[in-house]
Amino acid sequence: MENLLLKITGLIDDSSVRILANAIQDLPNIGHLEISREKGEASIDYGRFVSPEDIIQAIVDAGFEAECV
C-alpha cells in the first residue's frame, strides 16, 4: 500500500470528520485512514485499485477541499 497525506479544508466538527471518513472508505482498496481535525490533515493508505486523484475527488464530492502536503 501507498500513503497519501492531504491537507483538508472544512473539518469543523466530529460530524464533518465522519462524513469525510465515510467518503474515503467508500472507495475500493482503502487501508488505514487517520484524520486529524486539529491539524486539518488526512493520512490515507491505499492500494493499486484507487489513485490519489480518485481520493481527492471523493473528498471534494463530500464538500471539502483537499491538497497534497
Protein backbone atom coordinates (compact mmCIF):
# COMPACT_ATOMS: atom_id res chain seq x y z
CA MET A 1 0.00 0.00 0.00
CA GLU A 2 1.00 3.57 -0.60
CA ASN A 3 0.37 6.52 1.69
CA LEU A 4 -1.20 9.85 0.80
CA LEU A 5 -1.05 12.85 3.14
CA LEU A 6 -3.60 15.56 2.39
CA LYS A 7 -4.40 18.97 3.82
CA ILE A 8 -8.19 19.11 4.26
CA THR A 9 -10.22 22.32 4.50
CA GLY A 10 -13.68 22.28 6.05
CA LEU A 11 -13.31 19.94 9.03
CA ILE A 12 -15.34 21.93 11.56
CA ASP A 13 -16.61 19.24 13.94
CA ASP A 14 -16.78 15.49 14.60
CA SER A 15 -19.68 15.13 12.19
CA SER A 16 -17.60 16.52 9.32
CA VAL A 17 -14.81 14.07 10.20
CA ARG A 18 -17.29 11.17 9.98
CA ILE A 19 -18.62 12.42 6.64
CA LEU A 20 -15.07 12.64 5.29
CA ALA A 21 -14.13 9.20 6.62
CA ASN A 22 -17.21 7.62 5.05
CA ALA A 23 -16.50 9.26 1.69
CA ILE A 24 -12.93 7.94 1.65
CA GLN A 25 -13.78 4.47 2.99
CA ASP A 26 -16.41 4.02 0.26
CA LEU A 27 -13.55 3.85 -2.26
CA PRO A 28 -12.04 0.47 -3.16
CA ASN A 29 -8.79 -0.72 -1.59
CA ILE A 30 -8.52 1.86 1.19
CA GLY A 31 -6.39 0.66 4.09
CA HIS A 32 -5.58 2.62 7.23
CA LEU A 33 -7.20 6.05 7.44
CA GLU A 34 -6.30 8.69 10.02
CA ILE A 35 -7.99 12.09 10.08
CA SER A 36 -6.85 14.93 12.33
CA ARG A 37 -9.42 17.71 12.66
CA GLU A 38 -6.95 19.77 14.72
CA LYS A 39 -4.26 19.63 12.02
CA GLY A 40 -6.71 19.60 9.11
CA GLU A 41 -4.96 16.57 7.65
CA ALA A 42 -5.81 13.09 6.46
CA SER A 43 -3.32 10.24 6.10
CA ILE A 44 -4.62 7.52 3.81
CA ASP A 45 -3.13 4.14 2.93
CA TYR A 46 -4.43 2.97 -0.44
CA GLY A 47 -3.84 0.16 -2.89
CA ARG A 48 -3.44 -0.06 -6.63
CA PHE A 49 -7.16 -0.03 -7.47
CA VAL A 50 -7.57 3.62 -6.47
CA SER A 51 -5.50 6.69 -7.37
CA PRO A 52 -4.72 9.83 -5.35
CA GLU A 53 -6.90 11.72 -7.82
CA ASP A 54 -9.83 9.41 -7.05
CA ILE A 55 -9.37 10.02 -3.33
CA ILE A 56 -9.19 13.80 -3.75
CA GLN A 57 -12.29 13.74 -5.96
CA ALA A 58 -14.23 11.77 -3.33
CA ILE A 59 -13.22 14.36 -0.73
CA VAL A 60 -14.31 17.25 -2.96
CA ASP A 61 -17.59 15.48 -3.76
CA ALA A 62 -18.21 15.21 0.01
CA GLY A 63 -17.92 19.01 0.31
CA PHE A 64 -14.33 19.51 1.42
CA GLU A 65 -11.19 20.87 -0.19
CA ALA A 66 -8.02 18.77 -0.36
CA GLU A 67 -4.45 19.27 -1.47
CA CYS A 68 -1.32 17.14 -1.23
CA VAL A 69 1.08 18.04 1.56
